[in-house]
C-alpha cells in the first residue's frame, strides 16, 4: 500500500499545499522555520488522532488556535490522503479526507470520508461517510458486481464527535479500505531519535518488536532481532561493518544485575566496548539500520535530519540505505540540512519548502528546468542547493 498524494489545508504554516505523485523516497530541504517538522507532524498528528482522539492530538500541540493556520477563513483543518491498495484482485486509488473544526472551544470531526471508484468509470463511491460523530460505512464493499443500492450500509454513532470513524470501524475486516488505512496509520513511524536515550542499560521488559520514536528501546529491539531473526541481525551487522569502519561485531548483552546493554567490538581491540563508550555516530548508524531492517517493516518512515552526529562521508551510505528500504516496498520521507546527504539524491526525490507571507509552499526539484539541465550535465543536488539554485530555500 502506497501513499500517492497528500493535501493539507489550514494546518499551521500550510495554508493550502498539495503534493502529488509522492516518490517512495522523498527528501525535503528548506530554511529553518519553513515547516519541515510541521510536514512530518502531519503524520504524527493523524497517528495521535487515531491512537487517542482529535481533542487530545490538538491540545498536545497548543490547542486549536495554535494548530489552525493564521487568518484561516473557514476555521477548518483539512487533510486528504490518497493511497493505492488491492481490494480482492482490484487495484484501487482510495481517498481519505478529514475535516476538523471547533465548536464551543472543543475540537471535533466535522467530516470524515473514505471513497474510491468501484469500476473504471463513474464517480467515486463513499464507503465511509461520517459527520459530527454520526454516519455510515459499507460492509460488503468487495461485491463489485452489485449495484450501489444493493450494498450493505451500516449506520453508526461513534459516541463522541472527536473520535475518528476509522478508529472504531477500521478494526473490522469487513470494512476493507478503512481497516487497511487504520493499519497504515498505526504502523507508520515518525522518528525523533535521541542518542542519550539509546545508550546505557535498559530493563529487559517493555516494547521490543519495533524501535521507538526516541530509540530508547534500542538494546531490547536488537536483542529481539538477535534471538528471533538471526539472519536479519547478521545482515545488520554485515551492513554496519561495511558502512562504519572498525566495527566488527555488535551484541546485546544481559548484565549480571539483570539489565540489557549493547556491546561493540572494534576489530583493532580484543576487548569489546559498552555502548556508552562508543561514538554518537556509531550508535545512530546502528539504530537506523535496526529501524531499516525491521523484520516487520513500517510502510512509512519519517526521519528528521538524520545527519546529526554522523560524519559527512556516511551521508551517501545512509541515503543509499533509505533508498534500499523504499525499493523493498516502504516509503521514506527525510528532512535534511546536509549538502552531503542531498548529493546522494536523485532529482525526482527532492522537494524544498518556501515560506512567504507566513505560509509555506512546496517546490519539486524535477519540475525546475534549470535543475534538470544541471543534473543532466552531471551536477549534484547538494552543490546546487549550496549555490542558491533552490529559489527561496536558504542552505545556510
Protein backbone atom coordinates (compact mmCIF):
# COMPACT_ATOMS: atom_id res chain seq x y z
CA UNK A 1 0.00 0.00 0.00
CA UNK A 2 1.49 3.33 -1.09
CA UNK A 3 0.57 6.93 -0.38
CA UNK A 4 0.33 8.72 -3.71
CA UNK A 5 -0.72 12.22 -2.70
CA UNK A 6 -1.47 14.41 0.29
CA UNK A 7 -3.31 17.72 0.57
CA UNK A 8 -3.07 19.90 3.69
CA UNK A 9 -5.15 22.98 4.42
CA UNK A 10 -5.03 25.28 7.41
CA UNK A 11 -2.52 23.22 9.39
CA UNK A 12 -0.03 25.64 10.93
CA UNK A 13 2.17 27.11 8.13
CA UNK A 14 0.45 25.02 5.45
CA UNK A 15 -2.44 27.17 4.28
CA UNK A 16 -3.04 25.02 1.21
CA UNK A 17 -0.47 22.60 -0.18
CA UNK A 18 -0.84 19.57 -2.41
CA UNK A 19 1.88 17.01 -3.03
CA UNK A 20 1.05 14.54 -5.77
CA UNK A 21 2.95 11.53 -7.06
CA UNK A 22 4.90 11.06 -3.84
CA UNK A 23 8.10 9.11 -4.58
CA UNK A 24 9.00 6.11 -2.47
CA UNK A 25 11.98 8.10 -1.18
CA UNK A 26 11.30 11.80 -0.59
CA UNK A 27 13.91 14.29 0.65
CA UNK A 28 12.80 17.69 1.96
CA UNK A 29 15.05 20.71 2.47
CA UNK A 30 14.35 24.27 3.47
CA UNK A 31 15.40 27.10 5.75
CA UNK A 32 14.69 26.94 9.48
CA UNK A 33 11.09 27.77 10.26
CA UNK A 34 9.69 26.87 6.85
CA UNK A 35 7.79 23.84 8.10
CA UNK A 36 9.88 20.70 7.64
CA UNK A 37 8.97 19.48 11.12
CA UNK A 38 5.36 20.51 10.58
CA UNK A 39 5.15 18.45 7.40
CA UNK A 40 6.25 15.36 9.29
CA UNK A 41 4.00 16.27 12.19
CA UNK A 42 1.00 15.84 9.89
CA UNK A 43 1.66 12.10 10.04
CA UNK A 44 2.30 12.24 13.78
CA UNK A 45 -0.92 14.21 14.27
CA UNK A 46 -3.04 11.69 12.36
CA UNK A 47 -1.40 8.88 14.34
CA UNK A 48 -2.23 10.65 17.63
CA UNK A 49 -5.82 11.22 16.48
CA UNK A 50 -6.16 7.51 15.84
CA UNK A 51 -4.45 6.24 18.99
CA UNK A 52 -6.28 8.74 21.21
CA UNK A 53 -8.75 11.25 19.85
CA UNK A 54 -8.78 14.52 17.94
CA UNK A 55 -9.10 16.68 21.03
CA UNK A 56 -6.04 15.13 22.67
CA UNK A 57 -3.99 15.47 19.47
CA UNK A 58 -4.98 19.13 19.10
CA UNK A 59 -4.45 20.04 22.76
CA UNK A 60 -0.99 18.47 22.85
CA UNK A 61 0.02 20.88 20.09
CA UNK A 62 -1.14 24.04 21.85
CA UNK A 63 -4.91 23.82 21.27
CA UNK A 64 -6.93 24.60 18.17
CA UNK A 65 -5.96 28.23 17.60
CA UNK A 66 -2.27 27.31 17.62
CA UNK A 67 -2.74 24.49 15.10
CA UNK A 68 -5.07 26.33 12.74
CA UNK A 69 -3.31 28.49 10.14
CA UNK A 70 -3.37 32.19 10.93
CA UNK A 71 -6.26 34.16 9.35
CA UNK A 72 -7.99 30.99 8.18
CA UNK A 73 -11.30 31.95 6.61
CA UNK A 74 -13.26 28.72 7.10
CA UNK A 75 -11.75 27.74 10.50
CA UNK A 76 -11.40 24.11 9.39
CA UNK A 77 -8.26 21.95 9.31
CA UNK A 78 -8.34 19.66 6.28
CA UNK A 79 -6.34 16.60 5.23
CA UNK A 80 -6.71 14.46 2.14
CA UNK A 81 -4.57 11.35 1.62
CA UNK A 82 -4.76 9.16 -1.46
CA UNK A 83 -3.29 5.69 -1.28
CA UNK A 84 -3.32 2.74 -3.63
CA UNK A 85 -4.27 -0.71 -2.39
CA UNK A 86 -5.51 -4.08 -3.55
CA UNK A 87 -9.12 -4.89 -2.69
CA UNK A 88 -9.51 -8.53 -3.66
CA UNK A 89 -7.98 -8.56 -7.16
CA UNK A 90 -8.74 -4.91 -7.85
CA UNK A 91 -6.17 -2.14 -7.64
CA UNK A 92 -7.91 0.93 -6.20
CA UNK A 93 -6.89 4.51 -5.56
CA UNK A 94 -8.56 5.25 -2.22
CA UNK A 95 -9.13 8.80 -0.96
CA UNK A 96 -9.38 9.56 2.76
CA UNK A 97 -10.50 13.04 3.86
CA UNK A 98 -10.67 14.52 7.33
CA UNK A 99 -12.04 17.91 8.36
CA UNK A 100 -11.55 19.16 11.92
CA UNK A 101 -13.43 22.15 13.27
CA UNK A 102 -14.17 23.65 16.66
CA UNK A 103 -17.43 24.43 18.44
CA UNK A 104 -17.79 25.74 21.96
CA UNK A 105 -13.97 25.73 22.14
CA UNK A 106 -13.86 21.96 21.63
CA UNK A 107 -12.26 20.34 18.53
CA UNK A 108 -14.44 17.84 16.69
CA UNK A 109 -14.51 15.82 13.48
CA UNK A 110 -16.63 17.92 11.17
CA UNK A 111 -16.39 15.38 8.36
CA UNK A 112 -14.54 12.13 7.69
CA UNK A 113 -14.89 10.16 4.49
CA UNK A 114 -13.31 7.35 2.53
CA UNK A 115 -14.10 6.79 -1.13
CA UNK A 116 -12.90 5.11 -4.32
CA UNK A 117 -14.22 4.12 -7.71
CA UNK A 118 -15.84 0.70 -7.88
CA UNK A 119 -15.19 0.43 -11.61
CA UNK A 120 -13.15 2.02 -14.35
CA UNK A 121 -15.74 4.68 -14.95
CA UNK A 122 -18.10 6.74 -12.85
CA UNK A 123 -17.78 8.87 -9.75
CA UNK A 124 -16.04 7.66 -6.58
CA UNK A 125 -18.34 5.86 -4.16
CA UNK A 126 -18.35 6.67 -0.44
CA UNK A 127 -17.64 3.57 1.63
CA UNK A 128 -17.35 5.55 4.85
CA UNK A 129 -19.01 8.90 5.49
CA UNK A 130 -19.29 10.50 8.92
CA UNK A 131 -20.07 13.96 10.26
CA UNK A 132 -20.03 15.07 13.88
CA UNK A 133 -19.87 11.53 15.25
CA UNK A 134 -22.62 10.03 13.07
CA UNK A 135 -22.60 8.37 9.67
CA UNK A 136 -22.42 5.09 7.81
CA UNK A 137 -20.00 2.57 6.35
CA UNK A 138 -20.40 -0.08 3.64
CA UNK A 139 -19.68 -3.57 4.95
CA UNK A 140 -19.66 -5.57 1.65
CA UNK A 141 -17.55 -3.24 -0.45
CA UNK A 142 -15.85 -6.18 -2.16
CA UNK A 143 -19.10 -7.04 -4.00
CA UNK A 144 -18.18 -5.10 -7.11
CA UNK A 145 -20.85 -6.76 -9.24
CA UNK A 146 -23.69 -5.42 -7.11
CA UNK A 147 -25.33 -2.09 -7.96
CA UNK A 148 -24.73 0.73 -5.49
CA UNK A 149 -28.21 0.48 -4.00
CA UNK A 150 -27.66 -3.18 -3.06
CA UNK A 151 -24.53 -2.58 -0.99
CA UNK A 152 -25.00 -3.08 2.74
CA UNK A 153 -24.94 0.20 4.60
CA UNK A 154 -24.36 0.18 8.35
CA UNK A 155 -25.40 3.33 10.20
CA UNK A 156 -23.39 4.06 13.33
CA UNK A 157 -22.86 6.57 16.10
CA UNK A 158 -19.35 6.90 17.49
CA UNK A 159 -20.44 8.15 20.89
CA UNK A 160 -18.25 11.24 20.64
CA UNK A 161 -17.60 13.75 17.87
CA UNK A 162 -13.83 13.83 18.50
CA UNK A 163 -13.25 10.14 17.65
CA UNK A 164 -12.20 9.03 14.17
CA UNK A 165 -14.56 6.60 12.45
CA UNK A 166 -11.60 4.59 11.17
CA UNK A 167 -10.57 4.02 14.79
CA UNK A 168 -13.76 2.12 15.58
CA UNK A 169 -14.88 0.70 12.26
CA UNK A 170 -11.36 0.16 10.93
CA UNK A 171 -10.75 -2.67 13.38
CA UNK A 172 -13.24 -4.85 11.48
CA UNK A 173 -12.11 -6.78 8.40
CA UNK A 174 -15.44 -6.30 6.62
CA UNK A 175 -14.59 -2.61 6.14
CA UNK A 176 -11.68 -3.33 3.81
CA UNK A 177 -10.36 0.14 2.93
CA UNK A 178 -10.96 1.58 6.42
CA UNK A 179 -9.21 -1.40 8.00
CA UNK A 180 -6.22 -1.03 5.68
CA UNK A 181 -5.89 2.71 6.29
CA UNK A 182 -6.15 2.25 10.06
CA UNK A 183 -3.32 -0.29 9.95
CA UNK A 184 -1.27 2.05 7.77
CA UNK A 185 -1.55 4.91 10.28
CA UNK A 186 -0.93 2.62 13.25
CA UNK A 187 2.26 1.25 11.76
CA UNK A 188 3.97 4.28 10.25
CA UNK A 189 6.98 5.62 12.16
CA UNK A 190 7.88 9.26 12.82
CA UNK A 191 11.42 9.27 14.17
CA UNK A 192 12.55 11.60 16.95
CA UNK A 193 15.80 9.81 17.77
CA UNK A 194 17.81 10.82 20.87
CA UNK A 195 21.34 9.49 21.30
CA UNK A 196 21.25 9.76 25.09
CA UNK A 197 18.06 7.70 25.25
CA UNK A 198 19.56 4.93 23.10
CA UNK A 199 22.65 4.48 25.29
CA UNK A 200 23.16 2.65 28.54
CA UNK A 201 21.42 -0.13 30.37
CA UNK A 202 17.70 -0.72 29.98
CA UNK A 203 15.27 -3.04 31.67
CA UNK A 204 14.57 -6.23 29.77
CA UNK A 205 10.81 -5.70 29.86
CA UNK A 206 8.98 -3.33 27.54
CA UNK A 207 8.36 -2.85 23.83
CA UNK A 208 10.92 -4.84 21.88
CA UNK A 209 9.50 -5.65 18.42
CA UNK A 210 9.91 -2.16 16.92
CA UNK A 211 12.27 0.74 17.59
CA UNK A 212 10.50 3.54 19.47
CA UNK A 213 10.42 7.09 18.15
CA UNK A 214 13.16 8.18 20.54
CA UNK A 215 15.22 4.99 20.23
CA UNK A 216 15.19 4.38 23.99
CA UNK A 217 14.49 0.66 23.46
CA UNK A 218 17.36 0.09 21.00
CA UNK A 219 19.00 -2.65 23.11
CA UNK A 220 15.71 -4.53 23.55
CA UNK A 221 14.93 -4.42 19.82
CA UNK A 222 18.46 -5.56 18.99
CA UNK A 223 18.05 -8.47 21.40
CA UNK A 224 14.67 -9.37 19.86
CA UNK A 225 16.09 -9.44 16.32
CA UNK A 226 19.23 -11.25 17.55
CA UNK A 227 17.15 -14.03 19.13
CA UNK A 228 14.11 -14.25 16.86
CA UNK A 229 15.53 -13.20 13.47
CA UNK A 230 19.23 -14.14 13.47
CA UNK A 231 19.57 -13.88 9.67
CA UNK A 232 18.29 -10.32 9.79
CA UNK A 233 20.61 -9.45 12.67
CA UNK A 234 23.58 -10.85 10.75
CA UNK A 235 22.57 -8.70 7.80
CA UNK A 236 22.51 -5.62 10.06
CA UNK A 237 26.00 -6.45 11.39
CA UNK A 238 27.32 -7.08 7.89
CA UNK A 239 25.93 -3.73 6.70
CA UNK A 240 27.32 -2.00 9.79
CA UNK A 241 30.80 -3.38 9.06
CA UNK A 242 30.69 -2.06 5.51
CA UNK A 243 29.28 1.34 6.48
CA UNK A 244 31.29 2.11 9.65
CA UNK A 245 34.99 1.20 9.50
CA UNK A 246 36.34 -0.52 12.59
CA UNK A 247 33.11 -2.11 13.82
CA UNK A 248 33.45 -5.90 13.65
CA UNK A 249 30.52 -7.01 15.81
CA UNK A 250 27.64 -5.79 17.97
CA UNK A 251 25.90 -7.91 20.55
CA UNK A 252 23.09 -7.34 23.07
CA UNK A 253 24.32 -8.46 26.48
CA UNK A 254 22.42 -9.21 29.70
CA UNK A 255 24.32 -7.77 32.65
CA UNK A 256 24.80 -9.55 35.97
CA UNK A 257 22.16 -7.38 37.66
CA UNK A 258 19.52 -8.21 35.05
CA UNK A 259 19.74 -5.20 32.72
CA UNK A 260 20.33 -5.17 28.98
CA UNK A 261 23.03 -3.24 27.15
CA UNK A 262 24.87 -3.26 23.81
CA UNK A 263 28.48 -4.30 23.39
CA UNK A 264 30.51 -3.14 20.38
CA UNK A 265 33.59 -4.93 19.10
CA UNK A 266 36.29 -2.92 17.36
CA UNK A 267 38.48 -5.09 15.16
CA UNK A 268 41.61 -3.40 16.49
CA UNK A 269 40.92 -4.46 20.09
CA UNK A 270 40.30 -7.78 21.78
CA UNK A 271 38.05 -6.35 24.50
CA UNK A 272 34.63 -5.06 23.35
CA UNK A 273 33.23 -1.68 24.40
CA UNK A 274 29.92 -0.98 26.11
CA UNK A 275 27.68 1.35 24.14
CA UNK A 276 28.32 4.30 26.48
CA UNK A 277 31.91 4.40 25.24
CA UNK A 278 31.02 4.27 21.54
CA UNK A 279 30.73 7.39 19.37
CA UNK A 280 27.37 9.03 18.78
CA UNK A 281 27.66 8.38 15.06
CA UNK A 282 28.19 4.65 15.56
CA UNK A 283 25.16 4.36 17.85
CA UNK A 284 22.99 6.35 15.47
CA UNK A 285 24.01 4.40 12.38
CA UNK A 286 23.26 1.14 14.19
CA UNK A 287 19.86 2.48 15.31
CA UNK A 288 18.94 3.44 11.74
CA UNK A 289 19.93 0.01 10.47
CA UNK A 290 17.81 -1.64 13.17
CA UNK A 291 14.92 0.54 12.03
CA UNK A 292 15.50 -0.09 8.31
CA UNK A 293 15.92 -3.85 8.65
CA UNK A 294 12.94 -4.33 10.94
CA UNK A 295 11.56 -7.83 10.15
CA UNK A 296 8.04 -6.35 10.15
CA UNK A 297 8.86 -3.20 8.25
CA UNK A 298 6.94 0.06 8.64
CA UNK A 299 5.05 1.09 5.48
CA UNK A 300 6.09 4.72 6.05
CA UNK A 301 9.13 6.25 7.79
CA UNK A 302 9.55 9.95 8.57
CA UNK A 303 13.09 10.85 9.67
CA UNK A 304 14.19 14.36 10.56
CA UNK A 305 17.80 15.45 9.98
CA UNK A 306 19.50 12.04 10.12
CA UNK A 307 22.87 13.70 9.53
CA UNK A 308 23.15 14.88 13.15
CA UNK A 309 26.08 13.11 14.92
CA UNK A 310 27.09 11.34 11.68
CA UNK A 311 30.28 12.01 9.74
CA UNK A 312 29.71 13.62 6.32
CA UNK A 313 31.21 10.64 4.49
CA UNK A 314 28.41 8.44 5.89
CA UNK A 315 25.69 10.53 4.25
CA UNK A 316 25.89 8.75 0.92
CA UNK A 317 25.82 5.40 2.70
CA UNK A 318 22.78 6.34 4.77
CA UNK A 319 20.90 7.76 1.81
CA UNK A 320 21.50 4.50 -0.04
CA UNK A 321 20.12 2.52 2.92
CA UNK A 322 16.96 4.66 2.94
CA UNK A 323 16.56 4.14 -0.82
CA UNK A 324 17.02 0.38 -0.47
CA UNK A 325 14.30 0.36 2.18
CA UNK A 326 11.99 2.27 -0.17
CA UNK A 327 12.78 -0.12 -3.01
CA UNK A 328 11.79 -3.03 -0.77
CA UNK A 329 8.28 -1.61 -0.59
CA UNK A 330 8.18 1.06 2.11
CA UNK A 331 8.08 4.83 1.80
CA UNK A 332 10.68 7.10 3.37
CA UNK A 333 10.43 10.84 4.00
CA UNK A 334 13.60 12.55 5.18
CA UNK A 335 14.30 16.19 6.03
CA UNK A 336 17.90 17.36 5.91
CA UNK A 337 20.28 20.31 6.15
CA UNK A 338 23.18 18.27 4.79
CA UNK A 339 24.52 19.01 1.30
CA UNK A 340 26.38 15.69 1.50
CA UNK A 341 23.13 13.80 2.06
CA UNK A 342 21.48 15.79 -0.72
CA UNK A 343 24.36 14.98 -3.08
CA UNK A 344 23.25 11.34 -2.90
CA UNK A 345 19.73 12.24 -4.04
CA UNK A 346 18.13 11.82 -7.42
CA UNK A 347 16.25 14.82 -8.74
CA UNK A 348 12.86 13.04 -8.57
CA UNK A 349 13.35 12.56 -4.83
CA UNK A 350 14.00 16.19 -3.85
CA UNK A 351 11.49 18.81 -2.66
CA UNK A 352 12.05 22.13 -0.95
CA UNK A 353 9.95 24.44 1.20
CA UNK A 354 9.49 28.15 0.64
CA UNK A 355 7.82 30.41 3.20
CA UNK A 356 6.26 33.67 2.05
CA UNK A 357 3.89 35.99 3.91
CA UNK A 358 3.66 33.48 6.75
CA UNK A 359 2.67 30.45 4.69
CA UNK A 360 4.73 27.66 3.16
CA UNK A 361 4.60 26.18 -0.32
CA UNK A 362 6.32 23.02 -1.53
CA UNK A 363 8.50 23.01 -4.66
CA UNK A 364 9.50 19.94 -6.64
CA UNK A 365 13.06 19.79 -7.99
CA UNK A 366 12.12 17.69 -11.00
CA UNK A 367 9.78 20.46 -12.19
CA UNK A 368 12.60 23.02 -12.29
CA UNK A 369 14.07 23.11 -15.79
CA UNK A 370 17.37 24.66 -14.70
CA UNK A 371 17.95 21.99 -12.07
CA UNK A 372 17.13 19.25 -14.58
CA UNK A 373 19.66 20.66 -17.04
CA UNK A 374 22.42 20.85 -14.44
CA UNK A 375 21.72 17.32 -13.21
CA UNK A 376 21.81 16.01 -16.79
CA UNK A 377 25.28 17.57 -17.06
CA UNK A 378 26.44 15.58 -14.02
CA UNK A 379 25.96 18.10 -11.21
CA UNK A 380 24.65 17.09 -7.77
CA UNK A 381 21.71 18.29 -5.73
CA UNK A 382 23.72 19.32 -2.67
CA UNK A 383 26.08 21.53 -4.66
CA UNK A 384 23.18 23.16 -6.50
CA UNK A 385 21.41 23.83 -3.21
CA UNK A 386 24.52 25.45 -1.70
CA UNK A 387 24.91 27.61 -4.80
CA UNK A 388 21.39 29.01 -4.38
CA UNK A 389 19.56 27.27 -7.23
CA UNK A 390 16.68 26.26 -4.95
CA UNK A 391 14.71 29.51 -5.14
CA UNK A 392 13.60 30.59 -1.68
CA UNK A 393 15.44 27.81 0.20
CA UNK A 394 18.42 29.20 2.08
CA UNK A 395 21.04 26.46 2.56
CA UNK A 396 22.76 28.34 5.41
